[in-house]
Structure formats: structure tokens, C-alpha cells
PDB file of all heavy atoms in Angstrom:
ATOM      1  N   ILE A   1       0.843  -1.183   0.015  1.00  0.00           N
ATOM      2  CA  ILE A   1       0.045   0.008   0.007  1.00  0.00           C
ATOM      3  C   ILE A   1       0.879   1.234   0.010  1.00  0.00           C
ATOM      4  O   ILE A   1       1.775   1.320   0.817  1.00  0.00           O
ATOM      5  CB  ILE A   1      -0.954  -0.023   1.211  1.00  0.00           C
ATOM      6  CG1 ILE A   1      -1.738  -1.131   1.349  1.00  0.00           C
ATOM      7  CG2 ILE A   1      -1.644   1.301   1.176  1.00  0.00           C
ATOM      8  CD1 ILE A   1      -2.846  -1.382   0.211  1.00  0.00           C
ATOM      9  N   GLY A   2       0.523   2.223  -0.875  1.00  0.00           N
ATOM     10  CA  GLY A   2       1.224   3.507  -0.840  1.00  0.00           C
ATOM     11  C   GLY A   2       0.177   4.543  -0.367  1.00  0.00           C
ATOM     12  O   GLY A   2      -0.997   4.427  -0.571  1.00  0.00           O
ATOM     13  N   ILE A   3       0.701   5.550   0.304  1.00  0.00           N
ATOM     14  CA  ILE A   3      -0.095   6.722   0.786  1.00  0.00           C
ATOM     15  C   ILE A   3       0.381   7.923   0.090  1.00  0.00           C
ATOM     16  O   ILE A   3       1.437   8.239   0.040  1.00  0.00           O
ATOM     17  CB  ILE A   3       0.109   6.901   2.325  1.00  0.00           C
ATOM     18  CG1 ILE A   3      -0.323   5.688   3.092  1.00  0.00           C
ATOM     19  CG2 ILE A   3      -0.754   8.027   2.893  1.00  0.00           C
ATOM     20  CD1 ILE A   3       0.052   5.713   4.600  1.00  0.00           C
ATOM     21  N   TYR A   4      -0.677   8.614  -0.497  1.00  0.00           N
ATOM     22  CA  TYR A   4      -0.367   9.852  -1.287  1.00  0.00           C
ATOM     23  C   TYR A   4      -0.964  10.932  -0.510  1.00  0.00           C
ATOM     24  O   TYR A   4      -2.213  11.148  -0.459  1.00  0.00           O
ATOM     25  CB  TYR A   4      -0.998   9.796  -2.646  1.00  0.00           C
ATOM     26  CG  TYR A   4      -0.503  10.832  -3.641  1.00  0.00           C
ATOM     27  CD1 TYR A   4       0.672  10.617  -4.371  1.00  0.00           C
ATOM     28  CD2 TYR A   4      -1.135  12.025  -3.732  1.00  0.00           C
ATOM     29  CE1 TYR A   4       1.107  11.646  -5.222  1.00  0.00           C
ATOM     30  CE2 TYR A   4      -0.716  13.098  -4.503  1.00  0.00           C
ATOM     31  CZ  TYR A   4       0.481  12.777  -5.303  1.00  0.00           C
ATOM     32  OH  TYR A   4       0.943  13.781  -6.231  1.00  0.00           O
ATOM     33  N   GLY A   5      -0.167  11.782   0.211  1.00  0.00           N
ATOM     34  CA  GLY A   5      -0.600  12.816   1.083  1.00  0.00           C
ATOM     35  C   GLY A   5      -0.561  12.458   2.545  1.00  0.00           C
ATOM     36  O   GLY A   5      -0.871  11.336   2.909  1.00  0.00           O
ATOM     37  N   TYR A   6      -0.076  13.317   3.411  1.00  0.00           N
ATOM     38  CA  TYR A   6       0.236  12.962   4.750  1.00  0.00           C
ATOM     39  C   TYR A   6      -0.271  13.936   5.771  1.00  0.00           C
ATOM     40  O   TYR A   6       0.426  14.495   6.553  1.00  0.00           O
ATOM     41  CB  TYR A   6       1.681  12.793   5.014  1.00  0.00           C
ATOM     42  CG  TYR A   6       2.067  12.002   6.206  1.00  0.00           C
ATOM     43  CD1 TYR A   6       1.734  10.659   6.342  1.00  0.00           C
ATOM     44  CD2 TYR A   6       2.727  12.490   7.323  1.00  0.00           C
ATOM     45  CE1 TYR A   6       1.995   9.913   7.442  1.00  0.00           C
ATOM     46  CE2 TYR A   6       3.109  11.771   8.417  1.00  0.00           C
ATOM     47  CZ  TYR A   6       2.694  10.472   8.505  1.00  0.00           C
ATOM     48  OH  TYR A   6       2.963   9.727   9.533  1.00  0.00           O
ATOM     49  N   GLY A   7      -1.639  14.113   5.670  1.00  0.00           N
ATOM     50  CA  GLY A   7      -2.297  14.925   6.773  1.00  0.00           C
ATOM     51  C   GLY A   7      -3.015  13.910   7.783  1.00  0.00           C
ATOM     52  O   GLY A   7      -2.391  12.872   7.890  1.00  0.00           O
ATOM     53  N   ASN A   8      -4.044  14.267   8.404  1.00  0.00           N
ATOM     54  CA  ASN A   8      -4.736  13.428   9.384  1.00  0.00           C
ATOM     55  C   ASN A   8      -5.141  12.217   8.691  1.00  0.00           C
ATOM     56  O   ASN A   8      -5.120  11.131   9.318  1.00  0.00           O
ATOM     57  CB  ASN A   8      -5.857  14.221  10.013  1.00  0.00           C
ATOM     58  CG  ASN A   8      -5.533  15.368  10.935  1.00  0.00           C
ATOM     59  OD1 ASN A   8      -4.479  15.265  11.552  1.00  0.00           O
ATOM     60  ND2 ASN A   8      -6.256  16.478  10.857  1.00  0.00           N
ATOM     61  N   LEU A   9      -5.756  12.208   7.484  1.00  0.00           N
ATOM     62  CA  LEU A   9      -6.147  11.059   6.926  1.00  0.00           C
ATOM     63  C   LEU A   9      -5.017  10.101   6.554  1.00  0.00           C
ATOM     64  O   LEU A   9      -5.094   8.876   6.787  1.00  0.00           O
ATOM     65  CB  LEU A   9      -6.994  11.402   5.581  1.00  0.00           C
ATOM     66  CG  LEU A   9      -7.632  10.142   4.961  1.00  0.00           C
ATOM     67  CD1 LEU A   9      -8.575   9.458   5.903  1.00  0.00           C
ATOM     68  CD2 LEU A   9      -8.383  10.654   3.690  1.00  0.00           C
ATOM     69  N   GLY A  10      -3.943  10.570   6.038  1.00  0.00           N
ATOM     70  CA  GLY A  10      -2.776   9.870   5.677  1.00  0.00           C
ATOM     71  C   GLY A  10      -2.171   9.185   6.894  1.00  0.00           C
ATOM     72  O   GLY A  10      -1.709   7.953   6.821  1.00  0.00           O
ATOM     73  N   LYS A  11      -2.094   9.848   7.996  1.00  0.00           N
ATOM     74  CA  LYS A  11      -1.659   9.210   9.214  1.00  0.00           C
ATOM     75  C   LYS A  11      -2.519   8.045   9.652  1.00  0.00           C
ATOM     76  O   LYS A  11      -2.134   7.105  10.230  1.00  0.00           O
ATOM     77  CB  LYS A  11      -1.452  10.322  10.258  1.00  0.00           C
ATOM     78  CG  LYS A  11      -0.393  11.334   9.973  1.00  0.00           C
ATOM     79  CD  LYS A  11      -0.396  12.490  10.977  1.00  0.00           C
ATOM     80  CE  LYS A  11       0.684  13.454  10.561  1.00  0.00           C
ATOM     81  NZ  LYS A  11       0.579  14.724  11.486  1.00  0.00           N
ATOM     82  N   GLY A  12      -3.870   8.333   9.419  1.00  0.00           N
ATOM     83  CA  GLY A  12      -4.825   7.234   9.877  1.00  0.00           C
ATOM     84  C   GLY A  12      -4.558   6.017   9.006  1.00  0.00           C
ATOM     85  O   GLY A  12      -4.625   4.939   9.502  1.00  0.00           O
ATOM     86  N   VAL A  13      -4.327   6.177   7.699  1.00  0.00           N
ATOM     87  CA  VAL A  13      -4.068   5.082   6.845  1.00  0.00           C
ATOM     88  C   VAL A  13      -2.823   4.343   7.381  1.00  0.00           C
ATOM     89  O   VAL A  13      -2.741   3.069   7.368  1.00  0.00           O
ATOM     90  CB  VAL A  13      -3.861   5.431   5.383  1.00  0.00           C
ATOM     91  CG1 VAL A  13      -3.364   4.289   4.548  1.00  0.00           C
ATOM     92  CG2 VAL A  13      -5.292   5.929   4.866  1.00  0.00           C
ATOM     93  N   GLU A  14      -1.821   5.067   7.685  1.00  0.00           N
ATOM     94  CA  GLU A  14      -0.521   4.535   8.209  1.00  0.00           C
ATOM     95  C   GLU A  14      -0.783   3.539   9.422  1.00  0.00           C
ATOM     96  O   GLU A  14      -0.190   2.493   9.526  1.00  0.00           O
ATOM     97  CB  GLU A  14       0.453   5.588   8.609  1.00  0.00           C
ATOM     98  CG  GLU A  14       1.779   5.126   9.113  1.00  0.00           C
ATOM     99  CD  GLU A  14       2.646   6.361   9.509  1.00  0.00           C
ATOM    100  OE1 GLU A  14       2.165   7.463   9.601  1.00  0.00           O
ATOM    101  OE2 GLU A  14       3.899   6.021   9.835  1.00  0.00           O
ATOM    102  N   LEU A  15      -1.612   4.005  10.209  1.00  0.00           N
ATOM    103  CA  LEU A  15      -1.973   3.190  11.449  1.00  0.00           C
ATOM    104  C   LEU A  15      -2.896   2.054  11.165  1.00  0.00           C
ATOM    105  O   LEU A  15      -2.687   0.945  11.676  1.00  0.00           O
ATOM    106  CB  LEU A  15      -2.617   4.154  12.534  1.00  0.00           C
ATOM    107  CG  LEU A  15      -1.733   5.278  13.046  1.00  0.00           C
ATOM    108  CD1 LEU A  15      -2.516   6.156  14.070  1.00  0.00           C
ATOM    109  CD2 LEU A  15      -0.492   4.827  13.777  1.00  0.00           C
ATOM    110  N   ALA A  16      -3.831   2.266  10.216  1.00  0.00           N
ATOM    111  CA  ALA A  16      -4.742   1.241   9.905  1.00  0.00           C
ATOM    112  C   ALA A  16      -4.193  -0.015   9.213  1.00  0.00           C
ATOM    113  O   ALA A  16      -4.489  -1.130   9.512  1.00  0.00           O
ATOM    114  CB  ALA A  16      -5.972   1.809   9.048  1.00  0.00           C
ATOM    115  N   VAL A  17      -3.202   0.357   8.242  1.00  0.00           N
ATOM    116  CA  VAL A  17      -2.573  -0.830   7.680  1.00  0.00           C
ATOM    117  C   VAL A  17      -1.899  -1.777   8.572  1.00  0.00           C
ATOM    118  O   VAL A  17      -1.834  -3.014   8.416  1.00  0.00           O
ATOM    119  CB  VAL A  17      -1.569  -0.296   6.555  1.00  0.00           C
ATOM    120  CG1 VAL A  17      -0.681  -1.421   6.024  1.00  0.00           C
ATOM    121  CG2 VAL A  17      -2.290   0.434   5.422  1.00  0.00           C
ATOM    122  N   ARG A  18      -1.386  -1.256   9.719  1.00  0.00           N
ATOM    123  CA  ARG A  18      -0.674  -2.138  10.742  1.00  0.00           C
ATOM    124  C   ARG A  18      -1.621  -3.108  11.355  1.00  0.00           C
ATOM    125  O   ARG A  18      -1.094  -4.174  11.815  1.00  0.00           O
ATOM    126  CB  ARG A  18      -0.035  -1.266  11.898  1.00  0.00           C
ATOM    127  CG  ARG A  18       0.951  -0.311  11.385  1.00  0.00           C
ATOM    128  CD  ARG A  18       1.795   0.229  12.522  1.00  0.00           C
ATOM    129  NE  ARG A  18       0.951   0.619  13.701  1.00  0.00           N
ATOM    130  CZ  ARG A  18       1.369   0.739  14.992  1.00  0.00           C
ATOM    131  NH1 ARG A  18       2.645   0.486  15.262  1.00  0.00           N
ATOM    132  NH2 ARG A  18       0.579   1.249  15.947  1.00  0.00           N
ATOM    133  N   GLN A  19      -2.937  -2.957  11.244  1.00  0.00           N
ATOM    134  CA  GLN A  19      -3.812  -3.969  11.722  1.00  0.00           C
ATOM    135  C   GLN A  19      -4.324  -5.001  10.741  1.00  0.00           C
ATOM    136  O   GLN A  19      -5.145  -5.792  11.149  1.00  0.00           O
ATOM    137  CB  GLN A  19      -5.179  -3.118  12.290  1.00  0.00           C
ATOM    138  CG  GLN A  19      -4.756  -2.205  13.457  1.00  0.00           C
ATOM    139  CD  GLN A  19      -5.993  -1.484  13.912  1.00  0.00           C
ATOM    140  OE1 GLN A  19      -6.918  -1.145  13.227  1.00  0.00           O
ATOM    141  NE2 GLN A  19      -5.998  -1.267  15.263  1.00  0.00           N
ATOM    142  N   ASN A  20      -3.660  -4.954   9.565  1.00  0.00           N
ATOM    143  CA  ASN A  20      -4.121  -5.871   8.470  1.00  0.00           C
ATOM    144  C   ASN A  20      -2.882  -6.700   8.118  1.00  0.00           C
ATOM    145  O   ASN A  20      -2.035  -6.154   7.509  1.00  0.00           O
ATOM    146  CB  ASN A  20      -4.742  -5.069   7.289  1.00  0.00           C
ATOM    147  CG  ASN A  20      -6.051  -4.356   7.623  1.00  0.00           C
ATOM    148  OD1 ASN A  20      -7.117  -5.057   7.427  1.00  0.00           O
ATOM    149  ND2 ASN A  20      -5.964  -3.266   8.152  1.00  0.00           N
ATOM    150  N   LYS A  21      -2.934  -7.946   8.469  1.00  0.00           N
ATOM    151  CA  LYS A  21      -1.764  -8.813   8.317  1.00  0.00           C
ATOM    152  C   LYS A  21      -1.463  -9.055   6.826  1.00  0.00           C
ATOM    153  O   LYS A  21      -0.300  -9.566   6.509  1.00  0.00           O
ATOM    154  CB  LYS A  21      -1.941 -10.062   9.032  1.00  0.00           C
ATOM    155  CG  LYS A  21      -2.008  -9.833  10.607  1.00  0.00           C
ATOM    156  CD  LYS A  21      -2.227 -11.166  11.314  1.00  0.00           C
ATOM    157  CE  LYS A  21      -2.297 -10.960  12.819  1.00  0.00           C
ATOM    158  NZ  LYS A  21      -2.523 -12.117  13.624  1.00  0.00           N
ATOM    159  N   ASP A  22      -2.420  -8.919   5.945  1.00  0.00           N
ATOM    160  CA  ASP A  22      -2.128  -9.198   4.597  1.00  0.00           C
ATOM    161  C   ASP A  22      -1.647  -7.982   3.790  1.00  0.00           C
ATOM    162  O   ASP A  22      -1.534  -7.994   2.561  1.00  0.00           O
ATOM    163  CB  ASP A  22      -3.417  -9.753   3.902  1.00  0.00           C
ATOM    164  CG  ASP A  22      -4.591  -8.818   3.971  1.00  0.00           C
ATOM    165  OD1 ASP A  22      -4.527  -7.875   4.833  1.00  0.00           O
ATOM    166  OD2 ASP A  22      -5.530  -8.900   3.085  1.00  0.00           O
ATOM    167  N   MET A  23      -1.248  -6.860   4.473  1.00  0.00           N
ATOM    168  CA  MET A  23      -0.823  -5.675   3.917  1.00  0.00           C
ATOM    169  C   MET A  23       0.430  -5.230   4.477  1.00  0.00           C
ATOM    170  O   MET A  23       0.778  -5.498   5.622  1.00  0.00           O
ATOM    171  CB  MET A  23      -1.864  -4.505   4.046  1.00  0.00           C
ATOM    172  CG  MET A  23      -3.230  -4.844   3.469  1.00  0.00           C
ATOM    173  SD  MET A  23      -4.385  -3.375   3.732  1.00  0.00           S
ATOM    174  CE  MET A  23      -5.837  -3.929   2.902  1.00  0.00           C
ATOM    175  N   GLU A  24       1.208  -4.429   3.661  1.00  0.00           N
ATOM    176  CA  GLU A  24       2.304  -3.692   4.289  1.00  0.00           C
ATOM    177  C   GLU A  24       2.398  -2.352   3.589  1.00  0.00           C
ATOM    178  O   GLU A  24       1.974  -2.157   2.391  1.00  0.00           O
ATOM    179  CB  GLU A  24       3.636  -4.509   4.105  1.00  0.00           C
ATOM    180  CG  GLU A  24       4.060  -4.803   2.648  1.00  0.00           C
ATOM    181  CD  GLU A  24       5.389  -5.537   2.556  1.00  0.00           C
ATOM    182  OE1 GLU A  24       6.396  -4.835   2.688  1.00  0.00           O
ATOM    183  OE2 GLU A  24       5.387  -6.756   2.429  1.00  0.00           O
ATOM    184  N   LEU A  25       3.044  -1.486   4.273  1.00  0.00           N
ATOM    185  CA  LEU A  25       3.171  -0.114   3.669  1.00  0.00           C
ATOM    186  C   LEU A  25       4.396   0.036   2.909  1.00  0.00           C
ATOM    187  O   LEU A  25       5.534  -0.355   3.345  1.00  0.00           O
ATOM    188  CB  LEU A  25       3.060   0.975   4.811  1.00  0.00           C
ATOM    189  CG  LEU A  25       1.726   1.378   5.342  1.00  0.00           C
ATOM    190  CD1 LEU A  25       1.880   2.354   6.550  1.00  0.00           C
ATOM    191  CD2 LEU A  25       0.934   2.125   4.287  1.00  0.00           C
ATOM    192  N   PHE A  26       4.361   0.665   1.644  1.00  0.00           N
ATOM    193  CA  PHE A  26       5.537   0.918   0.883  1.00  0.00           C
ATOM    194  C   PHE A  26       6.136   2.227   1.349  1.00  0.00           C
ATOM    195  O   PHE A  26       7.378   2.364   1.460  1.00  0.00           O
ATOM    196  CB  PHE A  26       5.153   0.926  -0.564  1.00  0.00           C
ATOM    197  CG  PHE A  26       6.347   1.244  -1.467  1.00  0.00           C
ATOM    198  CD1 PHE A  26       7.250   0.318  -1.861  1.00  0.00           C
ATOM    199  CD2 PHE A  26       6.513   2.575  -1.839  1.00  0.00           C
ATOM    200  CE1 PHE A  26       8.327   0.710  -2.626  1.00  0.00           C
ATOM    201  CE2 PHE A  26       7.578   2.967  -2.703  1.00  0.00           C
ATOM    202  CZ  PHE A  26       8.550   2.013  -2.991  1.00  0.00           C
ATOM    203  N   GLY A  27       5.216   3.198   1.512  1.00  0.00           N
ATOM    204  CA  GLY A  27       5.691   4.458   1.963  1.00  0.00           C
ATOM    205  C   GLY A  27       4.768   5.612   1.672  1.00  0.00           C
ATOM    206  O   GLY A  27       3.642   5.273   1.243  1.00  0.00           O
ATOM    207  N   VAL A  28       5.193   6.765   2.055  1.00  0.00           N
ATOM    208  CA  VAL A  28       4.266   8.003   1.824  1.00  0.00           C
ATOM    209  C   VAL A  28       4.875   8.832   0.803  1.00  0.00           C
ATOM    210  O   VAL A  28       6.073   9.079   0.783  1.00  0.00           O
ATOM    211  CB  VAL A  28       4.255   8.844   3.251  1.00  0.00           C
ATOM    212  CG1 VAL A  28       3.592  10.203   3.067  1.00  0.00           C
ATOM    213  CG2 VAL A  28       3.587   8.021   4.388  1.00  0.00           C
ATOM    214  N   PHE A  29       3.948   9.375  -0.051  1.00  0.00           N
ATOM    215  CA  PHE A  29       4.332  10.267  -1.078  1.00  0.00           C
ATOM    216  C   PHE A  29       3.861  11.618  -0.694  1.00  0.00           C
ATOM    217  O   PHE A  29       2.547  11.759  -0.425  1.00  0.00           O
ATOM    218  CB  PHE A  29       3.841   9.912  -2.496  1.00  0.00           C
ATOM    219  CG  PHE A  29       4.487   8.619  -3.006  1.00  0.00           C
ATOM    220  CD1 PHE A  29       4.011   7.432  -2.550  1.00  0.00           C
ATOM    221  CD2 PHE A  29       5.694   8.685  -3.728  1.00  0.00           C
ATOM    222  CE1 PHE A  29       4.613   6.213  -3.020  1.00  0.00           C
ATOM    223  CE2 PHE A  29       6.411   7.575  -4.186  1.00  0.00           C
ATOM    224  CZ  PHE A  29       5.850   6.329  -3.800  1.00  0.00           C
ATOM    225  N   THR A  30       4.658  12.725  -0.687  1.00  0.00           N
ATOM    226  CA  THR A  30       4.304  14.042  -0.195  1.00  0.00           C
ATOM    227  C   THR A  30       4.756  15.182  -1.114  1.00  0.00           C
ATOM    228  O   THR A  30       5.799  15.037  -1.843  1.00  0.00           O
ATOM    229  CB  THR A  30       4.909  14.226   1.235  1.00  0.00           C
ATOM    230  OG1 THR A  30       4.563  15.507   1.717  1.00  0.00           O
ATOM    231  CG2 THR A  30       6.381  14.023   1.177  1.00  0.00           C
ATOM    232  N   ARG A  31       3.896  16.235  -1.176  1.00  0.00           N
ATOM    233  CA  ARG A  31       4.329  17.457  -1.781  1.00  0.00           C
ATOM    234  C   ARG A  31       5.404  18.211  -1.028  1.00  0.00           C
ATOM    235  O   ARG A  31       6.030  19.152  -1.551  1.00  0.00           O
ATOM    236  CB  ARG A  31       3.114  18.325  -2.205  1.00  0.00           C
ATOM    237  CG  ARG A  31       2.187  17.643  -3.220  1.00  0.00           C
ATOM    238  CD  ARG A  31       0.953  18.348  -3.476  1.00  0.00           C
ATOM    239  NE  ARG A  31       0.087  18.365  -2.338  1.00  0.00           N
ATOM    240  CZ  ARG A  31      -1.222  18.837  -2.442  1.00  0.00           C
ATOM    241  NH1 ARG A  31      -1.643  19.408  -3.546  1.00  0.00           N
ATOM    242  NH2 ARG A  31      -1.997  18.738  -1.446  1.00  0.00           N
ATOM    243  N   ARG A  32       5.478  17.936   0.190  1.00  0.00           N
ATOM    244  CA  ARG A  32       6.549  18.559   1.056  1.00  0.00           C
ATOM    245  C   ARG A  32       7.894  17.932   0.798  1.00  0.00           C
ATOM    246  O   ARG A  32       8.033  17.056   0.093  1.00  0.00           O
ATOM    247  CB  ARG A  32       6.183  18.439   2.548  1.00  0.00           C
ATOM    248  CG  ARG A  32       4.891  19.240   2.969  1.00  0.00           C
ATOM    249  CD  ARG A  32       4.568  18.911   4.378  1.00  0.00           C
ATOM    250  NE  ARG A  32       3.685  17.773   4.530  1.00  0.00           N
ATOM    251  CZ  ARG A  32       3.282  17.272   5.725  1.00  0.00           C
ATOM    252  NH1 ARG A  32       3.683  17.747   6.805  1.00  0.00           N
ATOM    253  NH2 ARG A  32       2.387  16.217   5.717  1.00  0.00           N
ATOM    254  N   ASN A  33       8.905  18.525   1.432  1.00  0.00           N
ATOM    255  CA  ASN A  33      10.295  18.004   1.392  1.00  0.00           C
ATOM    256  C   ASN A  33      10.248  16.704   2.077  1.00  0.00           C
ATOM    257  O   ASN A  33       9.964  16.655   3.330  1.00  0.00           O
ATOM    258  CB  ASN A  33      11.312  18.918   1.983  1.00  0.00           C
ATOM    259  CG  ASN A  33      12.670  18.373   1.970  1.00  0.00           C
ATOM    260  OD1 ASN A  33      12.890  17.270   1.480  1.00  0.00           O
ATOM    261  ND2 ASN A  33      13.561  19.069   2.660  1.00  0.00           N
ATOM    262  N   PRO A  34      10.472  15.585   1.419  1.00  0.00           N
ATOM    263  CA  PRO A  34      10.313  14.217   2.167  1.00  0.00           C
ATOM    264  C   PRO A  34      11.339  14.102   3.197  1.00  0.00           C
ATOM    265  O   PRO A  34      11.170  13.335   4.231  1.00  0.00           O
ATOM    266  CB  PRO A  34      10.491  13.210   1.025  1.00  0.00           C
ATOM    267  CG  PRO A  34      11.104  13.919  -0.089  1.00  0.00           C
ATOM    268  CD  PRO A  34      10.662  15.338   0.039  1.00  0.00           C
ATOM    269  N   GLU A  35      12.491  14.762   3.156  1.00  0.00           N
ATOM    270  CA  GLU A  35      13.550  14.536   4.060  1.00  0.00           C
ATOM    271  C   GLU A  35      13.123  15.264   5.491  1.00  0.00           C
ATOM    272  O   GLU A  35      13.724  14.842   6.493  1.00  0.00           O
ATOM    273  CB  GLU A  35      14.757  15.205   3.637  1.00  0.00           C
ATOM    274  CG  GLU A  35      15.408  14.437   2.412  1.00  0.00           C
ATOM    275  CD  GLU A  35      16.658  15.042   1.841  1.00  0.00           C
ATOM    276  OE1 GLU A  35      17.069  16.105   2.470  1.00  0.00           O
ATOM    277  OE2 GLU A  35      17.196  14.656   0.890  1.00  0.00           O
ATOM    278  N   SER A  36      12.207  16.227   5.343  1.00  0.00           N
ATOM    279  CA  SER A  36      11.742  16.841   6.575  1.00  0.00           C
ATOM    280  C   SER A  36      10.544  16.197   7.235  1.00  0.00           C
ATOM    281  O   SER A  36      10.057  16.602   8.285  1.00  0.00           O
ATOM    282  CB  SER A  36      11.442  18.318   6.347  1.00  0.00           C
ATOM    283  OG  SER A  36      10.352  18.409   5.419  1.00  0.00           O
ATOM    284  N   LEU A  37       9.983  15.164   6.587  1.00  0.00           N
ATOM    285  CA  LEU A  37       8.822  14.538   7.059  1.00  0.00           C
ATOM    286  C   LEU A  37       9.098  13.358   8.075  1.00  0.00           C
ATOM    287  O   LEU A  37       9.701  12.396   7.626  1.00  0.00           O
ATOM    288  CB  LEU A  37       7.921  14.001   5.869  1.00  0.00           C
ATOM    289  CG  LEU A  37       6.516  13.574   6.199  1.00  0.00           C
ATOM    290  CD1 LEU A  37       5.645  14.699   6.684  1.00  0.00           C
ATOM    291  CD2 LEU A  37       5.879  12.901   4.925  1.00  0.00           C
ATOM    292  N   LYS A  38       8.647  13.413   9.226  1.00  0.00           N
ATOM    293  CA  LYS A  38       8.811  12.349  10.185  1.00  0.00           C
ATOM    294  C   LYS A  38       7.486  11.508  10.315  1.00  0.00           C
ATOM    295  O   LYS A  38       6.456  12.205  10.739  1.00  0.00           O
ATOM    296  CB  LYS A  38       9.265  12.886  11.473  1.00  0.00           C
ATOM    297  CG  LYS A  38       9.592  11.690  12.478  1.00  0.00           C
ATOM    298  CD  LYS A  38      10.048  12.329  13.820  1.00  0.00           C
ATOM    299  CE  LYS A  38      10.454  11.192  14.853  1.00  0.00           C
ATOM    300  NZ  LYS A  38      10.986  11.812  16.068  1.00  0.00           N
ATOM    301  N   THR A  39       7.492  10.336   9.799  1.00  0.00           N
ATOM    302  CA  THR A  39       6.162   9.591   9.887  1.00  0.00           C
ATOM    303  C   THR A  39       6.022   8.926  11.179  1.00  0.00           C
ATOM    304  O   THR A  39       7.007   8.792  12.024  1.00  0.00           O
ATOM    305  CB  THR A  39       6.134   8.456   8.785  1.00  0.00           C
ATOM    306  OG1 THR A  39       7.347   7.695   8.968  1.00  0.00           O
ATOM    307  CG2 THR A  39       6.222   9.168   7.441  1.00  0.00           C
ATOM    308  N   LEU A  40       4.774   8.563  11.513  1.00  0.00           N
ATOM    309  CA  LEU A  40       4.437   8.037  12.837  1.00  0.00           C
ATOM    310  C   LEU A  40       5.158   6.798  13.157  1.00  0.00           C
ATOM    311  O   LEU A  40       5.523   6.556  14.301  1.00  0.00           O
ATOM    312  CB  LEU A  40       2.945   7.821  13.058  1.00  0.00           C
ATOM    313  CG  LEU A  40       2.014   9.045  12.999  1.00  0.00           C
ATOM    314  CD1 LEU A  40       0.559   8.651  12.981  1.00  0.00           C
ATOM    315  CD2 LEU A  40       2.251   9.987  14.165  1.00  0.00           C
ATOM    316  N   THR A  41       5.222   5.874  12.126  1.00  0.00           N
ATOM    317  CA  THR A  41       5.768   4.593  12.455  1.00  0.00           C
ATOM    318  C   THR A  41       7.154   4.364  11.693  1.00  0.00           C
ATOM    319  O   THR A  41       7.692   3.276  11.769  1.00  0.00           O
ATOM    320  CB  THR A  41       4.757   3.479  11.869  1.00  0.00           C
ATOM    321  OG1 THR A  41       4.662   3.689  10.334  1.00  0.00           O
ATOM    322  CG2 THR A  41       3.431   3.536  12.472  1.00  0.00           C
ATOM    323  N   GLY A  42       7.689   5.512  11.211  1.00  0.00           N
ATOM    324  CA  GLY A  42       9.038   5.307  10.547  1.00  0.00           C
ATOM    325  C   GLY A  42       9.078   4.806   9.167  1.00  0.00           C
ATOM    326  O   GLY A  42      10.117   4.589   8.608  1.00  0.00           O
ATOM    327  N   ILE A  43       7.891   4.769   8.514  1.00  0.00           N
ATOM    328  CA  ILE A  43       7.938   4.356   7.121  1.00  0.00           C
ATOM    329  C   ILE A  43       8.522   5.451   6.230  1.00  0.00           C
ATOM    330  O   ILE A  43       8.480   6.657   6.631  1.00  0.00           O
ATOM    331  CB  ILE A  43       6.484   3.970   6.617  1.00  0.00           C
ATOM    332  CG1 ILE A  43       5.594   5.229   6.686  1.00  0.00           C
ATOM    333  CG2 ILE A  43       5.857   2.914   7.287  1.00  0.00           C
ATOM    334  CD1 ILE A  43       4.266   5.128   5.951  1.00  0.00           C
TER     335      ILE A  43
END
């Protein structure tokens, strides 16, 4: 699963995927500087 956009909804998706054993997160795609973005779970 990829996440495009990292506001409240994107963070919710990041957490929700962890509860589904048949899924894994590839990463987050952002319009911000990705180097400055700290994700909740380190993806």
C-alpha cells in the first residue's frame, strides 16, 4: 500500500494498515520535502 498525502487521513491510513496482516506499507508520497517529514511509524 502506498499513501499519497500525509495529513490526518494519511496518518490514519498508516496506522490502519498495521492492523491488517495481509498488507504492508511501501511508503508515503508528499508534496513537502520528504527529508523533513517524520512519519508516525518510521515508514
